[in-house]
Amino acid sequence: MSRLFCLVSCRDDLALLPDLALAGVDGFQVRDPDATTAELLTLARVTISAVRPHGARVVVNDRLDVALAAGADGVHLGAEDLPVADAVRLAPHLWVGATCRSLRAVERAAAAGATYAGFGPLFATASKPGLPAPLGLEALTRATGPLPLVGIGGLDAERAAAARAAGAHGVAVIGGIWRAPDPLSAAKELVKAVG
């Protein structure tokens, strides 16, 4: 399981992907709610070809069909997406992540066969509108046990280290890399923080 997921959209500087993987980012999550299916598939394929030679894994957000067509390593599913149990049945070879916000949700995802749970938002974030209030690190600690937890939401290197100390297996970031003045330096700091 990856320790540091960098979320990737069509708006990001895809030329940086190999350097991010070489810097130690070991997971990439393809996520672009505004992309067409064809655009998402292209983005997934570009991401895979850029980072897999450097040992990183790629999951696709929300779309099992795109993950399978692109040859991704996994799919990450939210509450409104294909149920985890169905994804596991259709693609037992893939990592299947589930978005969770409580211990009970993590337990349900584990029972359905999920590989890991994306847990958050831990802190306030501007990367995804409409999220509930930040859960905080205590909620993450309470939810540890049934599955490896990947903390998400408002994470920089300092907060990523705190999330790991609170029980997270790893973290997923958007702004912590892409909105940094130097995304590569920010990625290196995050890699150290979760190592």
C-alpha atoms as a PDB file:
ATOM      1  CA  MET A   1       0.000   0.000   0.000  1.00  0.00           C
ATOM      2  CA  SER A   2       1.246   3.450  -0.898  1.00  0.00           C
ATOM      3  CA  ARG A   3       2.151   5.900   1.881  1.00  0.00           C
ATOM      4  CA  LEU A   4       1.765   9.095  -0.166  1.00  0.00           C
ATOM      5  CA  PHE A   5      -0.899   9.545  -2.820  1.00  0.00           C
ATOM      6  CA  CYS A   6      -0.724  12.592  -5.069  1.00  0.00           C
ATOM      7  CA  LEU A   7      -4.077  13.322  -6.687  1.00  0.00           C
ATOM      8  CA  VAL A   8      -3.812  14.181 -10.381  1.00  0.00           C
ATOM      9  CA  SER A   9      -6.205  16.056 -12.683  1.00  0.00           C
ATOM     10  CA  CYS A  10      -6.014  17.260 -16.283  1.00  0.00           C
ATOM     11  CA  ARG A  11      -5.167  20.758 -14.952  1.00  0.00           C
ATOM     12  CA  ASP A  12      -1.947  19.640 -13.255  1.00  0.00           C
ATOM     13  CA  ASP A  13       1.553  19.810 -14.742  1.00  0.00           C
ATOM     14  CA  LEU A  14       1.799  16.202 -15.912  1.00  0.00           C
ATOM     15  CA  ALA A  15       5.430  16.715 -16.973  1.00  0.00           C
ATOM     16  CA  LEU A  16       6.283  16.660 -13.237  1.00  0.00           C
ATOM     17  CA  LEU A  17       4.853  13.159 -12.672  1.00  0.00           C
ATOM     18  CA  PRO A  18       8.079  11.179 -13.288  1.00  0.00           C
ATOM     19  CA  ASP A  19      10.038  13.539 -11.015  1.00  0.00           C
ATOM     20  CA  LEU A  20       7.408  13.219  -8.274  1.00  0.00           C
ATOM     21  CA  ALA A  21       7.644   9.424  -8.476  1.00  0.00           C
ATOM     22  CA  LEU A  22      11.449   9.577  -8.428  1.00  0.00           C
ATOM     23  CA  ALA A  23      11.213  11.827  -5.338  1.00  0.00           C
ATOM     24  CA  GLY A  24       9.376   9.033  -3.524  1.00  0.00           C
ATOM     25  CA  VAL A  25       5.675   9.701  -4.147  1.00  0.00           C
ATOM     26  CA  ASP A  26       4.573   6.065  -4.330  1.00  0.00           C
ATOM     27  CA  GLY A  27       0.884   6.491  -5.166  1.00  0.00           C
ATOM     28  CA  PHE A  28      -1.062   8.595  -7.638  1.00  0.00           C
ATOM     29  CA  GLN A  29      -4.830   8.988  -7.653  1.00  0.00           C
ATOM     30  CA  VAL A  30      -6.377  10.074 -10.941  1.00  0.00           C
ATOM     31  CA  ARG A  31      -9.279  12.382 -10.062  1.00  0.00           C
ATOM     32  CA  ASP A  32     -10.960  14.860 -12.388  1.00  0.00           C
ATOM     33  CA  PRO A  33     -14.716  15.265 -11.925  1.00  0.00           C
ATOM     34  CA  ASP A  34     -14.857  17.679 -14.896  1.00  0.00           C
ATOM     35  CA  ALA A  35     -13.204  15.303 -17.373  1.00  0.00           C
ATOM     36  CA  THR A  36     -15.088  13.211 -19.912  1.00  0.00           C
ATOM     37  CA  THR A  37     -14.610   9.444 -19.787  1.00  0.00           C
ATOM     38  CA  ALA A  38     -12.189   9.673 -22.720  1.00  0.00           C
ATOM     39  CA  GLU A  39     -10.197  12.451 -21.040  1.00  0.00           C
ATOM     40  CA  LEU A  40     -10.072  10.528 -17.757  1.00  0.00           C
ATOM     41  CA  LEU A  41      -8.867   7.401 -19.546  1.00  0.00           C
ATOM     42  CA  THR A  42      -6.123   9.377 -21.303  1.00  0.00           C
ATOM     43  CA  LEU A  43      -5.111  10.995 -18.013  1.00  0.00           C
ATOM     44  CA  ALA A  44      -4.940   7.593 -16.317  1.00  0.00           C
ATOM     45  CA  ARG A  45      -2.805   6.136 -19.104  1.00  0.00           C
ATOM     46  CA  VAL A  46      -0.448   9.128 -19.128  1.00  0.00           C
ATOM     47  CA  THR A  47      -0.103   8.926 -15.335  1.00  0.00           C
ATOM     48  CA  ILE A  48       0.582   5.180 -15.391  1.00  0.00           C
ATOM     49  CA  SER A  49       3.225   5.468 -18.120  1.00  0.00           C
ATOM     50  CA  ALA A  50       4.910   8.355 -16.261  1.00  0.00           C
ATOM     51  CA  VAL A  51       5.101   6.861 -12.761  1.00  0.00           C
ATOM     52  CA  ARG A  52       4.914   3.064 -12.947  1.00  0.00           C
ATOM     53  CA  PRO A  53       8.495   2.700 -14.297  1.00  0.00           C
ATOM     54  CA  HIS A  54       9.603   4.358 -11.021  1.00  0.00           C
ATOM     55  CA  GLY A  55       7.663   1.914  -8.828  1.00  0.00           C
ATOM     56  CA  ALA A  56       4.600   4.053  -8.059  1.00  0.00           C
ATOM     57  CA  ARG A  57       1.034   2.716  -8.111  1.00  0.00           C
ATOM     58  CA  VAL A  58      -1.993   4.394  -9.711  1.00  0.00           C
ATOM     59  CA  VAL A  59      -5.631   4.318  -8.635  1.00  0.00           C
ATOM     60  CA  VAL A  60      -8.551   5.942 -10.436  1.00  0.00           C
ATOM     61  CA  ASN A  61     -11.150   7.877  -8.476  1.00  0.00           C
ATOM     62  CA  ASP A  62     -14.807   6.795  -8.799  1.00  0.00           C
ATOM     63  CA  ARG A  63     -14.517   4.867 -12.089  1.00  0.00           C
ATOM     64  CA  LEU A  64     -13.843   1.124 -12.082  1.00  0.00           C
ATOM     65  CA  ASP A  65     -14.352   0.989 -15.860  1.00  0.00           C
ATOM     66  CA  VAL A  66     -11.587   3.547 -16.449  1.00  0.00           C
ATOM     67  CA  ALA A  67      -9.286   1.843 -13.929  1.00  0.00           C
ATOM     68  CA  LEU A  68      -9.704  -1.471 -15.746  1.00  0.00           C
ATOM     69  CA  ALA A  69      -9.370   0.008 -19.245  1.00  0.00           C
ATOM     70  CA  ALA A  70      -6.209   1.909 -18.299  1.00  0.00           C
ATOM     71  CA  GLY A  71      -4.612  -1.010 -16.467  1.00  0.00           C
ATOM     72  CA  ALA A  72      -4.491   0.912 -13.173  1.00  0.00           C
ATOM     73  CA  ASP A  73      -3.578  -0.705  -9.855  1.00  0.00           C
ATOM     74  CA  GLY A  74      -6.819   0.217  -8.152  1.00  0.00           C
ATOM     75  CA  VAL A  75      -9.966   2.273  -7.853  1.00  0.00           C
ATOM     76  CA  HIS A  76     -11.081   4.623  -5.087  1.00  0.00           C
ATOM     77  CA  LEU A  77     -14.828   4.727  -4.441  1.00  0.00           C
ATOM     78  CA  GLY A  78     -16.980   7.300  -2.678  1.00  0.00           C
ATOM     79  CA  ALA A  79     -20.360   6.756  -1.045  1.00  0.00           C
ATOM     80  CA  GLU A  80     -22.236   7.581  -4.283  1.00  0.00           C
ATOM     81  CA  ASP A  81     -20.080   5.314  -6.482  1.00  0.00           C
ATOM     82  CA  LEU A  82     -20.208   1.613  -7.296  1.00  0.00           C
ATOM     83  CA  PRO A  83     -20.434  -0.338  -4.013  1.00  0.00           C
ATOM     84  CA  VAL A  84     -17.109  -1.680  -2.755  1.00  0.00           C
ATOM     85  CA  ALA A  85     -18.347  -5.291  -2.722  1.00  0.00           C
ATOM     86  CA  ASP A  86     -19.286  -5.071  -6.410  1.00  0.00           C
ATOM     87  CA  ALA A  87     -15.913  -3.573  -7.334  1.00  0.00           C
ATOM     88  CA  VAL A  88     -14.124  -6.343  -5.425  1.00  0.00           C
ATOM     89  CA  ARG A  89     -16.247  -8.977  -7.184  1.00  0.00           C
ATOM     90  CA  LEU A  90     -15.642  -7.484 -10.644  1.00  0.00           C
ATOM     91  CA  ALA A  91     -11.937  -6.751 -10.154  1.00  0.00           C
ATOM     92  CA  PRO A  92     -10.515  -8.866  -7.299  1.00  0.00           C
ATOM     93  CA  HIS A  93      -6.949  -8.113  -8.468  1.00  0.00           C
ATOM     94  CA  LEU A  94      -7.285  -4.339  -7.900  1.00  0.00           C
ATOM     95  CA  TRP A  95      -6.808  -2.269  -4.765  1.00  0.00           C
ATOM     96  CA  VAL A  96     -10.247  -0.968  -3.809  1.00  0.00           C
ATOM     97  CA  GLY A  97     -10.280   2.127  -1.626  1.00  0.00           C
ATOM     98  CA  ALA A  98     -13.374   3.486   0.093  1.00  0.00           C
ATOM     99  CA  THR A  99     -14.028   7.004   1.341  1.00  0.00           C
ATOM    100  CA  CYS A 100     -14.880   6.808   5.068  1.00  0.00           C
ATOM    101  CA  ARG A 101     -15.641   9.337   7.792  1.00  0.00           C
ATOM    102  CA  SER A 102     -16.113   7.120  10.873  1.00  0.00           C
ATOM    103  CA  LEU A 103     -14.987   3.845  12.423  1.00  0.00           C
ATOM    104  CA  ARG A 104     -18.359   2.335  11.508  1.00  0.00           C
ATOM    105  CA  ALA A 105     -17.852   3.271   7.829  1.00  0.00           C
ATOM    106  CA  VAL A 106     -14.333   1.778   7.914  1.00  0.00           C
ATOM    107  CA  GLU A 107     -15.724  -1.443   9.406  1.00  0.00           C
ATOM    108  CA  ARG A 108     -18.378  -1.619   6.651  1.00  0.00           C
ATOM    109  CA  ALA A 109     -15.729  -1.035   3.957  1.00  0.00           C
ATOM    110  CA  ALA A 110     -13.527  -3.759   5.460  1.00  0.00           C
ATOM    111  CA  ALA A 111     -16.453  -6.206   5.548  1.00  0.00           C
ATOM    112  CA  ALA A 112     -17.148  -5.406   1.864  1.00  0.00           C
ATOM    113  CA  GLY A 113     -13.552  -6.282   0.955  1.00  0.00           C
ATOM    114  CA  ALA A 114     -11.899  -2.858   0.635  1.00  0.00           C
ATOM    115  CA  THR A 115      -8.104  -2.725   0.593  1.00  0.00           C
ATOM    116  CA  TYR A 116      -7.871   0.622   2.391  1.00  0.00           C
ATOM    117  CA  ALA A 117     -10.002   3.551   3.522  1.00  0.00           C
ATOM    118  CA  GLY A 118      -9.510   7.172   2.539  1.00  0.00           C
ATOM    119  CA  PHE A 119     -10.318   9.003   5.772  1.00  0.00           C
ATOM    120  CA  GLY A 120     -11.220  12.672   5.975  1.00  0.00           C
ATOM    121  CA  PRO A 121     -11.277  15.529   5.591  1.00  0.00           C
ATOM    122  CA  LEU A 122      -8.860  15.707   8.504  1.00  0.00           C
ATOM    123  CA  PHE A 123      -8.393  19.469   8.164  1.00  0.00           C
ATOM    124  CA  ALA A 124     -10.137  22.270   6.248  1.00  0.00           C
ATOM    125  CA  THR A 125      -9.404  22.106   2.533  1.00  0.00           C
ATOM    126  CA  ALA A 126     -10.170  24.203  -0.524  1.00  0.00           C
ATOM    127  CA  SER A 127      -9.502  21.344  -2.954  1.00  0.00           C
ATOM    128  CA  LYS A 128     -12.981  19.810  -2.889  1.00  0.00           C
ATOM    129  CA  PRO A 129     -16.085  21.917  -2.237  1.00  0.00           C
ATOM    130  CA  GLY A 130     -19.048  20.662  -0.217  1.00  0.00           C
ATOM    131  CA  LEU A 131     -17.168  18.499   2.262  1.00  0.00           C
ATOM    132  CA  PRO A 132     -18.326  18.109   5.859  1.00  0.00           C
ATOM    133  CA  ALA A 133     -16.513  19.831   8.730  1.00  0.00           C
ATOM    134  CA  PRO A 134     -12.957  18.583   9.333  1.00  0.00           C
ATOM    135  CA  LEU A 135     -12.879  15.375  11.367  1.00  0.00           C
ATOM    136  CA  GLY A 136      -9.533  15.986  13.078  1.00  0.00           C
ATOM    137  CA  LEU A 137      -6.837  13.575  14.158  1.00  0.00           C
ATOM    138  CA  GLU A 138      -8.745  12.109  17.114  1.00  0.00           C
ATOM    139  CA  ALA A 139     -11.412  10.747  14.747  1.00  0.00           C
ATOM    140  CA  LEU A 140      -8.654   9.172  12.653  1.00  0.00           C
ATOM    141  CA  THR A 141      -7.136   7.517  15.719  1.00  0.00           C
ATOM    142  CA  ARG A 142     -10.566   6.164  16.727  1.00  0.00           C
ATOM    143  CA  ALA A 143     -11.042   4.660  13.234  1.00  0.00           C
ATOM    144  CA  THR A 144      -7.727   2.766  13.076  1.00  0.00           C
ATOM    145  CA  GLY A 145      -7.719  -1.011  13.045  1.00  0.00           C
ATOM    146  CA  PRO A 146     -10.020  -2.547  10.455  1.00  0.00           C
ATOM    147  CA  LEU A 147      -8.178  -1.190   7.360  1.00  0.00           C
ATOM    148  CA  PRO A 148      -5.084   0.863   6.510  1.00  0.00           C
ATOM    149  CA  LEU A 149      -6.233   4.503   6.637  1.00  0.00           C
ATOM    150  CA  VAL A 150      -5.129   7.130   4.119  1.00  0.00           C
ATOM    151  CA  GLY A 151      -5.732  10.560   5.623  1.00  0.00           C
ATOM    152  CA  ILE A 152      -6.890  13.338   3.299  1.00  0.00           C
ATOM    153  CA  GLY A 153      -7.849  16.978   3.591  1.00  0.00           C
ATOM    154  CA  GLY A 154      -5.700  20.047   4.185  1.00  0.00           C
ATOM    155  CA  LEU A 155      -2.425  18.166   4.548  1.00  0.00           C
ATOM    156  CA  ASP A 156       1.074  19.629   4.351  1.00  0.00           C
ATOM    157  CA  ALA A 157       4.246  17.912   5.576  1.00  0.00           C
ATOM    158  CA  GLU A 158       3.707  18.850   9.228  1.00  0.00           C
ATOM    159  CA  ARG A 159       0.078  17.716   9.259  1.00  0.00           C
ATOM    160  CA  ALA A 160       0.977  14.557   7.288  1.00  0.00           C
ATOM    161  CA  ALA A 161       3.503  13.605   9.971  1.00  0.00           C
ATOM    162  CA  ALA A 162       0.845  14.246  12.633  1.00  0.00           C
ATOM    163  CA  ALA A 163      -1.635  12.047  10.725  1.00  0.00           C
ATOM    164  CA  ARG A 164       0.914   9.215  10.591  1.00  0.00           C
ATOM    165  CA  ALA A 165       1.549   9.611  14.329  1.00  0.00           C
ATOM    166  CA  ALA A 166      -2.224   9.462  14.906  1.00  0.00           C
ATOM    167  CA  GLY A 167      -2.466   6.104  13.138  1.00  0.00           C
ATOM    168  CA  ALA A 168      -2.745   6.782   9.395  1.00  0.00           C
ATOM    169  CA  HIS A 169      -0.960   4.333   7.094  1.00  0.00           C
ATOM    170  CA  GLY A 170      -0.426   7.209   4.682  1.00  0.00           C
ATOM    171  CA  VAL A 171      -1.904  10.407   3.259  1.00  0.00           C
ATOM    172  CA  ALA A 172      -3.362  11.746   0.031  1.00  0.00           C
ATOM    173  CA  VAL A 173      -2.751  15.324  -1.085  1.00  0.00           C
ATOM    174  CA  ILE A 174      -3.807  17.739  -3.796  1.00  0.00           C
ATOM    175  CA  GLY A 175      -2.943  21.296  -2.794  1.00  0.00           C
ATOM    176  CA  GLY A 176      -0.061  20.142  -0.582  1.00  0.00           C
ATOM    177  CA  ILE A 177       1.824  19.400  -3.798  1.00  0.00           C
ATOM    178  CA  TRP A 178       0.149  21.173  -6.726  1.00  0.00           C
ATOM    179  CA  ARG A 179      -0.461  24.539  -5.050  1.00  0.00           C
ATOM    180  CA  ALA A 180       2.992  24.705  -3.453  1.00  0.00           C
ATOM    181  CA  PRO A 181       5.422  27.257  -4.948  1.00  0.00           C
ATOM    182  CA  ASP A 182       7.763  24.323  -5.716  1.00  0.00           C
ATOM    183  CA  PRO A 183       5.698  21.110  -6.063  1.00  0.00           C
ATOM    184  CA  LEU A 184       8.772  18.867  -6.188  1.00  0.00           C
ATOM    185  CA  SER A 185      10.238  20.264  -2.943  1.00  0.00           C
ATOM    186  CA  ALA A 186       6.825  19.986  -1.285  1.00  0.00           C
ATOM    187  CA  ALA A 187       6.589  16.352  -2.416  1.00  0.00           C
ATOM    188  CA  LYS A 188      10.040  15.571  -0.970  1.00  0.00           C
ATOM    189  CA  GLU A 189       9.001  17.072   2.387  1.00  0.00           C
ATOM    190  CA  LEU A 190       5.815  15.004   2.359  1.00  0.00           C
ATOM    191  CA  VAL A 191       7.741  11.830   1.526  1.00  0.00           C
ATOM    192  CA  LYS A 192       9.971  12.447   4.566  1.00  0.00           C
ATOM    193  CA  ALA A 193       6.953  13.197   6.747  1.00  0.00           C
ATOM    194  CA  VAL A 194       5.200   9.894   5.961  1.00  0.00           C
ATOM    195  CA  GLY A 195       8.332   7.713   5.688  1.00  0.00           C
END
